[in-house]
């Protein structure tokens, strides 16, 4: 399974739980941590947790090793480490505050439109 396949699984899982403004940053050559960062948000603690849980469960169903999940109990910024793909699930206000898209502004956006609503 490629890192792009893992990204697709994460995008579709987030979309299934109605995550908002899902974006993927291509971090190849920019970060040594991962090839892709996926960023999305929810509007409540429960939705943020549901999004992260769905991503974790779908990844495991496809044989992807989930290295760690951080921030689940607080549900403000949950990080799901899928190895080559790191997923950031924010509460809306926290996403606006941390603004990872601006922080990693030199990273090109990955086209994920075809992965949404699938």
C-alpha atoms as a PDB file:
ATOM      1  CA  UNK A   1       0.000   0.000   0.000  1.00  0.00           C
ATOM      2  CA  UNK A   2       1.374   3.399  -0.969  1.00  0.00           C
ATOM      3  CA  UNK A   3       1.302   6.557   1.115  1.00  0.00           C
ATOM      4  CA  UNK A   4      -1.235   7.955  -1.373  1.00  0.00           C
ATOM      5  CA  UNK A   5      -3.495   4.947  -0.653  1.00  0.00           C
ATOM      6  CA  UNK A   6      -3.207   5.662   3.073  1.00  0.00           C
ATOM      7  CA  UNK A   7      -4.087   9.304   2.437  1.00  0.00           C
ATOM      8  CA  UNK A   8      -7.152   8.243   0.433  1.00  0.00           C
ATOM      9  CA  UNK A   9      -8.342   6.026   3.306  1.00  0.00           C
ATOM     10  CA  UNK A  10      -7.946   8.902   5.783  1.00  0.00           C
ATOM     11  CA  UNK A  11      -9.695  11.417   3.517  1.00  0.00           C
ATOM     12  CA  UNK A  12     -12.645   9.105   2.902  1.00  0.00           C
ATOM     13  CA  UNK A  13     -12.967   8.243   6.607  1.00  0.00           C
ATOM     14  CA  UNK A  14     -12.968  11.930   7.573  1.00  0.00           C
ATOM     15  CA  UNK A  15     -15.480  12.707   4.836  1.00  0.00           C
ATOM     16  CA  UNK A  16     -17.743   9.897   6.094  1.00  0.00           C
ATOM     17  CA  UNK A  17     -17.929  11.662   9.475  1.00  0.00           C
ATOM     18  CA  UNK A  18     -18.669  15.047   7.865  1.00  0.00           C
ATOM     19  CA  UNK A  19     -15.275  16.604   8.543  1.00  0.00           C
ATOM     20  CA  UNK A  20     -15.042  20.151   7.228  1.00  0.00           C
ATOM     21  CA  UNK A  21     -12.474  21.688   4.876  1.00  0.00           C
ATOM     22  CA  UNK A  22     -10.374  18.562   4.346  1.00  0.00           C
ATOM     23  CA  UNK A  23      -7.000  19.417   2.835  1.00  0.00           C
ATOM     24  CA  UNK A  24      -3.867  17.403   2.204  1.00  0.00           C
ATOM     25  CA  UNK A  25      -0.417  18.936   2.080  1.00  0.00           C
ATOM     26  CA  UNK A  26       2.299  17.171   0.118  1.00  0.00           C
ATOM     27  CA  UNK A  27       5.213  17.244   2.547  1.00  0.00           C
ATOM     28  CA  UNK A  28       7.694  15.307   0.390  1.00  0.00           C
ATOM     29  CA  UNK A  29      11.028  17.112   0.487  1.00  0.00           C
ATOM     30  CA  UNK A  30       9.710  19.535   3.138  1.00  0.00           C
ATOM     31  CA  UNK A  31       9.302  17.407   6.256  1.00  0.00           C
ATOM     32  CA  UNK A  32      11.115  14.309   7.388  1.00  0.00           C
ATOM     33  CA  UNK A  33       8.119  13.391   9.561  1.00  0.00           C
ATOM     34  CA  UNK A  34       5.671  12.357   6.830  1.00  0.00           C
ATOM     35  CA  UNK A  35       4.938  12.489   3.105  1.00  0.00           C
ATOM     36  CA  UNK A  36       1.450  13.947   3.653  1.00  0.00           C
ATOM     37  CA  UNK A  37      -0.301  15.998   6.293  1.00  0.00           C
ATOM     38  CA  UNK A  38      -4.074  15.796   6.179  1.00  0.00           C
ATOM     39  CA  UNK A  39      -5.931  18.549   8.012  1.00  0.00           C
ATOM     40  CA  UNK A  40      -9.645  18.809   8.769  1.00  0.00           C
ATOM     41  CA  UNK A  41     -11.959  19.994  11.503  1.00  0.00           C
ATOM     42  CA  UNK A  42     -15.214  19.294  13.280  1.00  0.00           C
ATOM     43  CA  UNK A  43     -17.610  21.519  15.166  1.00  0.00           C
ATOM     44  CA  UNK A  44     -17.863  19.703  18.506  1.00  0.00           C
ATOM     45  CA  UNK A  45     -15.710  17.551  20.755  1.00  0.00           C
ATOM     46  CA  UNK A  46     -17.808  14.507  19.894  1.00  0.00           C
ATOM     47  CA  UNK A  47     -17.504  15.091  16.144  1.00  0.00           C
ATOM     48  CA  UNK A  48     -13.743  15.642  16.369  1.00  0.00           C
ATOM     49  CA  UNK A  49     -13.407  12.364  18.280  1.00  0.00           C
ATOM     50  CA  UNK A  50     -15.704  10.549  15.832  1.00  0.00           C
ATOM     51  CA  UNK A  51     -13.605  11.720  12.875  1.00  0.00           C
ATOM     52  CA  UNK A  52     -10.346  10.587  14.502  1.00  0.00           C
ATOM     53  CA  UNK A  53     -11.873   7.261  15.577  1.00  0.00           C
ATOM     54  CA  UNK A  54     -13.156   6.574  12.066  1.00  0.00           C
ATOM     55  CA  UNK A  55      -9.755   7.352  10.527  1.00  0.00           C
ATOM     56  CA  UNK A  56      -8.038   5.019  13.003  1.00  0.00           C
ATOM     57  CA  UNK A  57     -10.560   2.216  12.469  1.00  0.00           C
ATOM     58  CA  UNK A  58     -10.558   2.434   8.657  1.00  0.00           C
ATOM     59  CA  UNK A  59      -6.758   2.509   8.574  1.00  0.00           C
ATOM     60  CA  UNK A  60      -6.561  -0.597  10.761  1.00  0.00           C
ATOM     61  CA  UNK A  61      -9.184  -2.365   8.613  1.00  0.00           C
ATOM     62  CA  UNK A  62      -6.869  -1.836   5.638  1.00  0.00           C
ATOM     63  CA  UNK A  63      -3.810  -3.129   7.490  1.00  0.00           C
ATOM     64  CA  UNK A  64      -2.262   0.276   8.124  1.00  0.00           C
ATOM     65  CA  UNK A  65      -0.336   0.447  11.381  1.00  0.00           C
ATOM     66  CA  UNK A  66      -1.555   3.348  13.518  1.00  0.00           C
ATOM     67  CA  UNK A  67       1.626   4.455  15.265  1.00  0.00           C
ATOM     68  CA  UNK A  68      -0.117   6.695  17.782  1.00  0.00           C
ATOM     69  CA  UNK A  69      -3.102   8.893  18.491  1.00  0.00           C
ATOM     70  CA  UNK A  70      -2.589  12.007  20.592  1.00  0.00           C
ATOM     71  CA  UNK A  71      -5.066  14.503  22.026  1.00  0.00           C
ATOM     72  CA  UNK A  72      -8.121  12.243  21.798  1.00  0.00           C
ATOM     73  CA  UNK A  73      -9.504  12.952  25.283  1.00  0.00           C
ATOM     74  CA  UNK A  74      -9.194  16.727  24.929  1.00  0.00           C
ATOM     75  CA  UNK A  75     -10.682  16.631  21.394  1.00  0.00           C
ATOM     76  CA  UNK A  76      -9.252  20.015  20.408  1.00  0.00           C
ATOM     77  CA  UNK A  77      -6.422  18.815  18.150  1.00  0.00           C
ATOM     78  CA  UNK A  78      -6.155  15.091  17.600  1.00  0.00           C
ATOM     79  CA  UNK A  79      -3.098  13.788  15.789  1.00  0.00           C
ATOM     80  CA  UNK A  80      -3.384  10.378  14.123  1.00  0.00           C
ATOM     81  CA  UNK A  81       0.037   9.088  13.038  1.00  0.00           C
ATOM     82  CA  UNK A  82      -0.309   6.675  10.129  1.00  0.00           C
ATOM     83  CA  UNK A  83       3.402   6.667   9.333  1.00  0.00           C
ATOM     84  CA  UNK A  84       3.807   8.365   5.961  1.00  0.00           C
ATOM     85  CA  UNK A  85       0.543  10.227   6.564  1.00  0.00           C
ATOM     86  CA  UNK A  86      -0.062  12.344   9.652  1.00  0.00           C
ATOM     87  CA  UNK A  87      -3.663  13.421  10.193  1.00  0.00           C
ATOM     88  CA  UNK A  88      -4.583  16.555  12.166  1.00  0.00           C
ATOM     89  CA  UNK A  89      -8.220  16.644  13.283  1.00  0.00           C
ATOM     90  CA  UNK A  90      -9.023  19.995  14.849  1.00  0.00           C
ATOM     91  CA  UNK A  91     -11.904  21.616  16.631  1.00  0.00           C
ATOM     92  CA  UNK A  92     -12.812  24.533  14.331  1.00  0.00           C
ATOM     93  CA  UNK A  93     -11.530  27.311  16.608  1.00  0.00           C
ATOM     94  CA  UNK A  94      -8.232  25.549  17.237  1.00  0.00           C
ATOM     95  CA  UNK A  95      -7.680  25.000  13.528  1.00  0.00           C
ATOM     96  CA  UNK A  96      -8.099  28.715  12.914  1.00  0.00           C
ATOM     97  CA  UNK A  97      -5.707  29.502  15.763  1.00  0.00           C
ATOM     98  CA  UNK A  98      -2.888  27.123  14.772  1.00  0.00           C
ATOM     99  CA  UNK A  99      -3.383  27.596  11.012  1.00  0.00           C
ATOM    100  CA  UNK A 100      -1.105  24.753   9.894  1.00  0.00           C
ATOM    101  CA  UNK A 101      -1.857  25.543   6.263  1.00  0.00           C
ATOM    102  CA  UNK A 102      -0.112  28.891   6.662  1.00  0.00           C
ATOM    103  CA  UNK A 103       2.666  27.430   8.818  1.00  0.00           C
ATOM    104  CA  UNK A 104       3.414  24.894   6.054  1.00  0.00           C
ATOM    105  CA  UNK A 105       2.598  27.351   3.262  1.00  0.00           C
ATOM    106  CA  UNK A 106       5.466  26.100   1.093  1.00  0.00           C
ATOM    107  CA  UNK A 107       3.874  22.640   0.902  1.00  0.00           C
ATOM    108  CA  UNK A 108       1.768  22.106  -2.225  1.00  0.00           C
ATOM    109  CA  UNK A 109      -1.843  21.035  -1.833  1.00  0.00           C
ATOM    110  CA  UNK A 110      -2.537  17.468  -2.903  1.00  0.00           C
ATOM    111  CA  UNK A 111      -5.602  16.998  -5.074  1.00  0.00           C
ATOM    112  CA  UNK A 112      -8.123  14.960  -3.073  1.00  0.00           C
ATOM    113  CA  UNK A 113     -11.406  15.920  -4.754  1.00  0.00           C
ATOM    114  CA  UNK A 114     -11.774  12.456  -6.295  1.00  0.00           C
ATOM    115  CA  UNK A 115     -11.438  10.884  -2.830  1.00  0.00           C
ATOM    116  CA  UNK A 116     -14.345  12.860  -1.393  1.00  0.00           C
ATOM    117  CA  UNK A 117     -17.857  11.489  -1.448  1.00  0.00           C
ATOM    118  CA  UNK A 118     -16.577   8.126  -2.670  1.00  0.00           C
END
